[in-house]
Protein backbone atom coordinates (compact mmCIF):
# COMPACT_ATOMS: atom_id res chain seq x y z
CA MET A 1 24.57 -0.94 17.89
CA ARG A 2 22.41 -1.17 14.77
CA PRO A 3 19.07 -2.96 15.07
CA THR A 4 18.66 -6.27 13.26
CA LEU A 5 15.81 -8.16 11.67
CA ALA A 6 16.17 -10.78 14.37
CA GLN A 7 15.66 -8.19 17.14
CA ILE A 8 12.54 -6.83 15.49
CA GLY A 9 11.22 -10.33 14.83
CA ASP A 10 11.69 -11.24 18.49
CA ILE A 11 9.66 -8.23 19.65
CA VAL A 12 6.91 -8.91 17.13
CA LYS A 13 6.67 -12.59 18.12
CA ARG A 14 5.98 -11.64 21.72
CA GLY A 15 2.82 -9.88 20.56
CA TYR A 16 1.23 -6.48 20.75
CA SER A 17 -0.20 -6.75 24.26
CA GLU A 18 3.14 -7.36 25.94
CA TRP A 19 4.73 -4.56 23.95
CA ASP A 20 1.89 -2.13 24.69
CA SER A 21 2.11 -2.81 28.43
CA ARG A 22 5.85 -2.16 28.40
CA ILE A 23 5.46 1.14 26.51
CA ARG A 24 2.72 2.37 28.85
CA ALA A 25 4.81 1.48 31.89
CA THR A 26 7.74 3.40 30.40
CA CYS A 27 5.61 6.47 29.67
CA SER A 28 3.91 6.34 33.12
CA LEU A 29 1.36 9.11 32.53
CA GLU A 30 -1.80 7.99 34.34
CA HIS A 31 -0.80 9.50 37.67
CA LEU A 32 -0.40 12.91 36.06
CA PHE A 33 -3.87 13.04 34.55
CA ALA A 34 -5.57 11.23 37.41
CA GLY A 35 -4.07 13.23 40.26
CA ASP A 36 -3.37 16.83 41.10
CA LEU A 37 0.20 17.05 39.82
CA PRO A 38 0.62 20.18 37.67
CA PHE A 39 1.54 19.94 34.00
CA ALA A 40 1.90 22.31 31.05
CA ILE A 41 1.74 21.87 27.27
CA ALA A 42 4.10 23.09 24.55
CA PRO A 43 3.59 24.62 22.07
CA ALA A 44 0.30 26.55 22.01
CA ALA A 45 -0.54 25.14 18.58
CA ARG A 46 -3.10 22.86 16.99
CA ILE A 47 -2.40 19.62 18.86
CA GLY A 48 -2.16 21.34 22.22
CA ARG A 49 -5.36 23.29 21.67
CA ARG A 50 -7.18 20.12 20.68
CA ALA A 51 -5.90 18.43 23.81
CA LEU A 52 -7.13 21.34 25.89
CA HIS A 53 -10.70 20.64 24.74
CA HIS A 54 -10.46 17.02 25.92
CA LEU A 55 -8.74 17.99 29.17
CA ALA A 56 -11.42 20.55 29.97
CA ALA A 57 -14.01 17.77 29.71
CA ARG A 58 -11.97 15.90 32.35
CA ASP A 59 -11.72 19.02 34.50
CA ARG A 60 -7.95 18.66 34.33
CA LEU A 61 -6.48 21.79 32.77
CA PRO A 62 -2.75 22.51 32.32
CA VAL A 63 -1.26 25.31 34.36
CA ALA A 64 0.19 26.92 31.22
CA PHE A 65 1.02 26.72 27.56
CA CYS A 66 4.68 27.27 26.66
CA ASP A 67 5.56 28.74 23.30
CA GLY A 68 8.52 30.36 21.58
CA ASN A 69 6.29 32.95 19.89
CA ARG A 70 6.68 36.23 21.78
CA ALA A 71 3.39 37.51 20.38
CA LEU A 72 1.54 34.87 22.43
CA TRP A 73 3.22 35.59 25.77
CA GLY A 74 0.84 37.15 28.23
CA THR A 75 -2.24 35.95 26.34
CA SER A 76 -4.44 33.02 27.28
CA ILE A 77 -6.13 30.13 25.48
CA GLY A 78 -9.27 28.72 27.05
CA GLY A 79 -8.30 30.43 30.28
CA VAL A 80 -4.80 28.89 30.26
CA PRO A 81 -1.94 31.44 30.22
CA VAL A 82 0.72 31.33 27.51
CA MET A 83 4.29 31.99 28.62
CA SER A 84 7.88 31.60 27.55
CA TYR A 85 9.87 28.50 28.43
CA GLU A 86 12.06 30.62 30.71
CA GLU A 87 9.07 32.00 32.63
CA PHE A 88 7.60 28.53 32.98
CA ALA A 89 10.87 27.10 34.30
CA SER A 90 11.03 29.88 36.89
CA SER A 91 7.35 29.78 37.91
CA TRP A 92 6.83 26.02 37.90
CA PRO A 93 10.19 24.33 38.57
CA GLU A 94 8.62 20.99 39.60
CA CYS A 95 5.98 20.94 36.86
CA THR A 96 5.94 18.43 33.99
CA LEU A 97 5.93 19.74 30.42
CA PHE A 98 4.08 17.76 27.73
CA ILE A 99 5.45 18.18 24.20
CA ALA A 100 2.41 18.32 21.90
CA SER A 101 4.20 18.48 18.55
CA ALA A 102 5.07 15.60 16.25
CA LEU A 103 7.15 17.82 13.95
CA HIS A 104 9.18 19.64 16.60
CA ASP A 105 9.32 17.25 19.55
CA SER A 106 13.12 16.98 19.63
CA ALA A 107 13.74 20.70 19.10
CA ILE A 108 11.26 21.69 21.81
CA GLN A 109 12.85 19.25 24.24
CA ASP A 110 16.23 20.85 23.50
CA VAL A 111 14.87 24.33 24.24
CA ALA A 112 13.10 23.17 27.39
CA ARG A 113 16.21 21.48 28.80
CA HIS A 114 18.29 24.54 27.96
CA CYS A 115 15.86 26.64 30.01
CA GLY A 116 16.15 24.31 32.98
CA ILE A 117 12.90 22.39 32.58
CA ARG A 118 13.68 18.95 33.98
CA ARG A 119 10.41 17.04 33.77
CA LEU A 120 9.48 16.33 30.16
CA VAL A 121 7.12 13.91 28.41
CA GLY A 122 7.85 13.53 24.70
CA TYR A 123 5.24 13.55 22.01
CA PRO A 124 5.37 9.80 21.11
CA CYS A 125 4.29 8.76 24.63
CA LEU A 126 1.40 11.22 24.59
CA ALA A 127 0.25 10.04 21.17
CA HIS A 128 0.43 6.41 22.26
CA CYS A 129 -1.30 6.70 25.62
CA TYR A 130 -3.82 9.41 24.73
CA PRO A 131 -4.43 9.22 20.96
CA GLU A 132 -7.82 10.95 21.19
CA MET A 133 -6.03 14.05 22.48
CA PHE A 134 -2.60 14.06 20.90
CA CYS A 135 -2.31 11.65 17.97
CA THR A 136 -1.52 12.84 14.44
CA ARG A 137 -1.81 10.96 11.16
CA GLU A 138 1.85 9.91 11.08
CA TYR A 139 1.45 8.30 14.51
CA ALA A 140 -2.02 6.83 14.01
CA GLY A 141 -1.52 3.09 14.06
CA ILE A 142 2.22 3.34 14.61
CA ALA A 143 1.83 1.20 17.71
CA GLU A 144 0.18 -1.67 15.89
CA ALA A 145 1.87 -1.40 12.48
CA ALA A 146 4.68 -3.91 12.93
CA PHE A 147 2.33 -6.39 14.64
CA LEU A 148 -0.18 -6.56 11.79
CA PRO A 149 -0.46 -9.87 9.92
CA ASN A 150 2.27 -10.20 7.29
CA ALA A 151 3.93 -6.92 8.37
CA PHE A 152 7.17 -8.57 9.46
CA ALA A 153 7.24 -10.67 6.29
CA ALA A 154 6.89 -7.46 4.25
CA ILE A 155 9.66 -5.75 6.24
CA GLU A 156 11.87 -8.78 5.67
CA ALA A 157 11.08 -8.80 1.94
CA LEU A 158 11.90 -5.10 1.60
CA HIS A 159 15.11 -5.56 3.55
CA GLY A 160 16.20 -8.05 0.92
CA ARG A 161 15.22 -5.75 -1.96
CA LEU A 162 17.06 -2.61 -0.82
CA VAL A 163 20.44 -2.21 -2.50
CA ASP A 164 22.68 -0.59 0.11
CA ASP A 165 23.49 -0.87 3.82
CA GLN A 166 22.27 2.65 4.61
CA SER A 167 18.81 1.89 3.17
CA ARG A 168 18.56 -1.29 5.23
CA HIS A 169 19.72 0.66 8.28
CA VAL A 170 17.02 3.28 7.70
CA LEU A 171 14.32 0.61 7.41
CA LEU A 172 15.25 -1.30 10.55
CA SER A 173 15.96 1.80 12.61
CA LYS A 174 12.59 3.35 11.81
CA VAL A 175 10.79 0.10 12.62
CA MET A 176 12.74 -0.08 15.89
CA TYR A 177 11.68 3.50 16.61
CA TYR A 178 8.07 2.39 16.11
CA LEU A 179 8.70 -0.30 18.73
CA THR A 180 10.61 1.77 21.30
CA TYR A 181 9.96 5.49 20.70
CA GLU A 182 13.68 6.01 21.34
CA LYS A 183 14.94 8.95 19.30
CA LYS A 184 18.45 7.52 19.07
CA TYR A 185 17.20 5.34 16.22
CA ILE A 186 16.04 8.40 14.28
CA GLU A 187 19.13 10.46 15.03
CA ASP A 188 21.35 7.65 13.78
CA ILE A 189 19.83 7.62 10.29
CA ARG A 190 19.30 11.32 9.59
CA SER A 191 20.73 12.43 6.26
CA THR A 192 22.04 15.95 5.72
CA THR A 193 21.71 15.88 1.94
CA THR A 194 18.86 17.58 0.07
CA MET A 195 15.55 15.75 0.32
CA TYR A 196 14.27 14.51 -3.08
CA TRP A 197 17.37 15.85 -4.87
CA ASP A 198 19.75 13.67 -2.86
CA ALA A 199 23.06 14.00 -4.72
CA ASP A 200 24.32 10.77 -3.16
CA LEU A 201 21.68 8.84 -5.08
CA ILE A 202 20.51 10.78 -8.13
CA THR A 203 21.95 12.99 -10.85
CA CYS A 204 19.72 15.44 -12.68
CA ARG A 205 20.40 15.17 -16.39
CA SER A 206 19.93 17.51 -19.30
CA GLY A 207 16.48 17.15 -20.83
CA GLU A 208 14.89 16.23 -17.49
CA VAL A 209 11.08 16.29 -17.36
CA VAL A 210 10.18 16.67 -13.69
CA VAL A 211 6.90 15.90 -11.92
CA ASP A 212 6.66 17.63 -8.55
CA GLY A 213 3.65 16.03 -6.87
CA GLY A 214 2.72 18.09 -3.82
CA ALA A 215 4.56 21.26 -4.87
CA PHE A 216 3.06 23.30 -1.98
CA ARG A 217 4.55 26.81 -2.04
CA GLY A 218 7.44 25.86 -4.29
CA ASP A 219 9.81 24.39 -1.70
CA THR A 220 10.94 21.45 -3.85
CA LEU A 221 11.12 23.66 -6.92
CA LEU A 222 13.37 26.13 -5.09
CA ALA A 223 15.65 23.28 -4.01
CA PHE A 224 15.78 22.06 -7.62
CA LEU A 225 16.67 25.50 -8.97
CA GLY A 226 19.06 26.13 -6.08
CA GLY A 227 20.96 23.00 -7.08
CA GLY A 228 22.01 24.75 -10.27
CA GLN A 229 19.70 22.87 -12.63
CA ARG A 230 19.77 24.67 -15.97
CA GLU A 231 19.36 22.07 -18.72
CA TYR A 232 15.98 20.60 -17.77
CA LEU A 233 13.26 20.42 -20.40
CA GLU A 234 10.08 20.82 -18.33
CA TYR A 235 9.04 21.07 -14.68
CA HIS A 236 5.42 20.21 -13.82
CA ALA A 237 4.36 21.39 -10.34
CA PHE A 238 1.13 19.74 -9.14
CA GLU A 239 -0.61 21.33 -6.14
CA PRO A 240 -4.38 21.24 -5.47
CA ASP A 241 -4.54 23.72 -2.55
CA PRO A 242 -5.88 27.07 -3.84
CA LEU A 243 -4.50 28.87 -0.77
CA VAL A 244 -0.88 28.36 -1.80
CA GLN A 245 -1.15 28.86 -5.56
CA GLN A 246 -0.01 32.48 -5.51
CA ASP A 247 3.22 31.61 -3.72
CA LEU A 248 3.88 28.65 -6.02
CA GLU A 249 3.25 30.76 -9.12
CA ALA A 250 5.64 33.42 -7.81
CA VAL A 251 8.44 30.86 -7.58
CA ALA A 252 7.60 29.46 -11.02
CA ALA A 253 7.65 32.95 -12.57
CA CYS A 254 11.43 32.77 -12.92
CA ASP A 255 11.02 30.41 -15.90
CA ARG A 256 7.53 30.47 -17.37
CA ASP A 257 8.65 28.70 -20.54
CA ARG A 258 9.62 25.51 -18.74
CA ILE A 259 7.88 25.54 -15.34
CA ARG A 260 4.14 24.78 -15.45
CA CYS A 261 1.92 24.92 -12.39
CA HIS A 262 -1.14 22.64 -12.34
CA ARG A 263 -3.89 23.17 -9.78
CA LEU A 264 -4.40 19.42 -9.54
CA GLY A 265 -3.92 16.68 -6.99
CA LEU A 266 -2.51 13.31 -8.02
CA CYS A 267 -4.66 10.21 -7.77
CA ARG A 268 -5.45 6.94 -9.55
CA ALA A 269 -7.93 8.57 -11.95
CA ARG A 270 -9.23 11.92 -13.11
CA GLY A 271 -12.07 13.53 -11.21
CA LYS A 272 -12.86 15.54 -8.12
CA LEU A 273 -12.18 14.65 -4.50
CA GLN A 274 -13.03 16.23 -1.19
CA PHE A 275 -9.96 17.81 0.40
CA VAL A 276 -9.38 19.37 3.79
CA VAL A 277 -7.80 22.63 2.64
CA SER A 278 -5.63 24.39 5.19
CA GLY A 279 -3.02 26.42 3.29
CA ALA A 280 -0.50 24.39 5.30
CA ALA A 281 1.61 21.45 4.20
CA ASP A 282 -1.03 18.93 5.31
CA THR A 283 -3.82 19.78 2.85
CA SER A 284 -5.02 16.33 1.84
CA ALA A 285 -7.84 14.24 0.44
CA MET A 286 -10.54 13.48 3.01
CA GLY A 287 -9.56 9.84 3.50
CA GLN A 288 -5.96 10.89 4.23
CA ALA A 289 -6.59 14.02 6.25
CA GLY A 290 -5.84 12.63 9.70
CA ASP A 291 -5.80 15.54 12.14
CA ALA A 292 -5.69 18.24 9.46
CA GLU A 293 -7.93 21.25 10.03
CA GLY A 294 -9.41 23.50 7.36
CA SER A 295 -12.31 23.94 4.98
CA VAL A 296 -13.67 21.00 2.99
CA GLN A 297 -13.53 21.66 -0.76
CA HIS A 298 -13.99 19.60 -3.92
CA LEU A 299 -10.75 19.86 -5.91
CA GLU A 300 -9.60 18.49 -9.24
CA VAL A 301 -7.31 15.47 -9.35
CA THR A 302 -5.65 13.56 -12.16
CA ASP A 303 -3.70 10.40 -12.81
CA LEU A 304 -0.29 10.79 -14.41
CA ASP A 305 -0.95 8.06 -16.99
CA SER A 306 -3.67 10.10 -18.68
CA PHE A 307 -2.13 13.52 -17.97
CA PHE A 308 1.03 12.62 -19.89
CA GLY A 309 -0.81 10.76 -22.63
CA ASP A 310 0.14 13.39 -25.25
CA ARG A 311 3.01 15.12 -23.40
CA ASN A 312 6.70 14.43 -23.00
CA PRO A 313 6.89 11.60 -20.46
CA PRO A 314 8.50 12.44 -17.10
CA THR A 315 12.02 11.32 -16.34
CA PHE A 316 11.77 12.20 -12.62
CA ILE A 317 8.67 11.88 -10.40
CA LYS A 318 8.57 13.22 -6.85
CA MET A 319 5.50 12.55 -4.68
CA ASP A 320 4.83 14.06 -1.26
CA ILE A 321 1.05 14.12 -1.36
CA GLU A 322 -0.07 13.64 2.22
CA GLY A 323 -0.96 9.95 2.20
CA SER A 324 -2.21 9.62 -1.39
CA GLU A 325 1.07 8.21 -2.71
CA ARG A 326 -0.25 4.66 -3.20
CA SER A 327 -3.19 5.87 -5.26
CA ALA A 328 -1.02 8.18 -7.35
CA LEU A 329 1.50 5.40 -8.04
CA VAL A 330 -1.30 3.18 -9.30
CA GLY A 331 -2.43 6.07 -11.50
CA ALA A 332 1.09 6.32 -12.94
CA SER A 333 1.78 2.60 -13.26
CA ARG A 334 1.74 2.42 -17.07
CA LEU A 335 3.96 5.47 -17.32
CA ILE A 336 6.43 4.10 -14.77
CA ARG A 337 6.61 0.62 -16.32
CA ARG A 338 7.07 1.96 -19.83
CA HIS A 339 9.39 4.95 -19.34
CA ARG A 340 11.25 3.99 -16.14
CA PRO A 341 11.58 7.46 -14.55
CA THR A 342 13.54 8.04 -11.36
CA LEU A 343 11.12 8.07 -8.40
CA ALA A 344 11.35 9.92 -5.08
CA VAL A 345 8.29 9.08 -3.01
CA SER A 346 7.41 9.92 0.60
CA VAL A 347 6.90 6.84 2.77
CA TYR A 348 6.00 8.31 6.17
CA HIS A 349 2.46 9.71 6.13
CA HIS A 350 1.10 6.43 7.50
CA PRO A 351 3.30 4.03 9.51
CA ARG A 352 2.85 1.11 7.08
CA ASP A 353 3.96 3.32 4.19
CA LEU A 354 7.53 2.57 5.27
CA TRP A 355 7.41 -0.91 3.78
CA GLU A 356 4.20 -1.07 1.75
CA ILE A 357 4.98 1.78 -0.66
CA PRO A 358 8.57 0.66 -1.41
CA LEU A 359 7.30 -2.85 -2.14
CA LEU A 360 4.73 -1.37 -4.55
CA ILE A 361 7.51 0.65 -6.19
CA ALA A 362 9.67 -2.48 -6.40
CA GLU A 363 6.83 -4.22 -8.24
CA LEU A 364 6.54 -1.32 -10.71
CA THR A 365 10.32 -0.97 -11.22
CA PRO A 366 11.79 -4.50 -10.93
CA ASN A 367 15.13 -3.63 -12.52
CA SER A 368 15.76 -0.36 -10.68
CA SER A 369 17.84 0.22 -7.55
CA LEU A 370 15.71 0.84 -4.47
CA TYR A 371 16.90 3.12 -1.63
CA LEU A 372 15.53 4.58 1.61
CA ARG A 373 16.73 7.83 3.17
CA HIS A 374 15.51 9.83 6.20
CA TYR A 375 15.90 13.60 6.67
CA THR A 376 14.64 14.81 10.08
CA ARG A 377 14.90 14.21 13.82
CA GLU A 378 11.29 13.03 13.83
CA VAL A 379 9.22 10.32 12.18
CA ASP A 380 8.53 12.55 9.14
CA ASP A 381 10.45 12.84 5.88
CA THR A 382 11.48 9.34 4.89
CA VAL A 383 11.80 8.93 1.12
CA CYS A 384 11.99 5.88 -1.13
CA TYR A 385 14.07 6.35 -4.27
CA SER A 386 13.88 4.13 -7.32
CA VAL A 387 16.82 4.75 -9.65
CA PRO A 388 16.81 3.00 -13.04
CA ALA A 389 19.98 1.44 -14.35
CA VAL A 390 21.84 3.63 -16.84
CA SER A 391 21.17 2.24 -20.32
């Protein structure tokens, strides 16, 4: 049964404290960390290694790390052995496995169950109960988001502004996931179309001028070219991370006349900002970095209003810029109001992005159709589309 505004409103009215107590009782983790019951962590990646540091301070180490990477099997991290899921299931049949991955929680649970591991604690419970050890940016504040002043009013306002049932379903299901951590709400809204180039919502036209904000290693560009786009005018790929430029340039080399790579981040104004540079998809400005790890570097940023002052204005703007979407939209506000490009903007890097960014887009594009779509089994990869009416 699909969640409703009334259901969400009822939970919010009861208040955060009651909700928090219910979630903690459901997760029921204190006895594991407080007692001598054995537990393991999967995978042996960044979140798990960070947790290990905190657990060592509590003198409460896991019995193992589980990981699908064969190269790690038989090694150890901080004195904790790394093993396959099969070996763990055989060696520790009564042990609890903690899933320390926001991106792969569902997939890891599938693998673990397939291998016979019966006692599992999913990532959302760990992030909620032990944020200092496990929380990532996308989950930071997820617990409180819907209870913030005016949050429900904003959710209600966006619900009324979205133009189709699927968009309203995505909005309410994701909010209900925030309030329950039940993956059924995510599974029910997952789209199988191509993220950003969703053919159910948008049609790429001849003469398209594309802005790819957060081009990374060329993933979105490859999807664009793989969709058979041939008649576009220009493609501008913006990516500030110097560690991925070579890969991005290699993808762009197929059409140097029309594809331009810009070593720039997008922001509300030109200048330089401190970034946490990782070479991974989460390179981001310092204020948006969350749990990202890497070197701190000063990198160039620009606003789209000034960048396109003497260039062909964009007809399509995609933004997946690790939490800086609000700032970049402000920096493109004149361009958006005047030229009415199609927008495809990530709304998942912070929990409140889900309703705050679409409402900002609605303000900038009052006569466009507003949609929400979701593309994974996790909290990541929700996109707001603004599609102008055909003139």
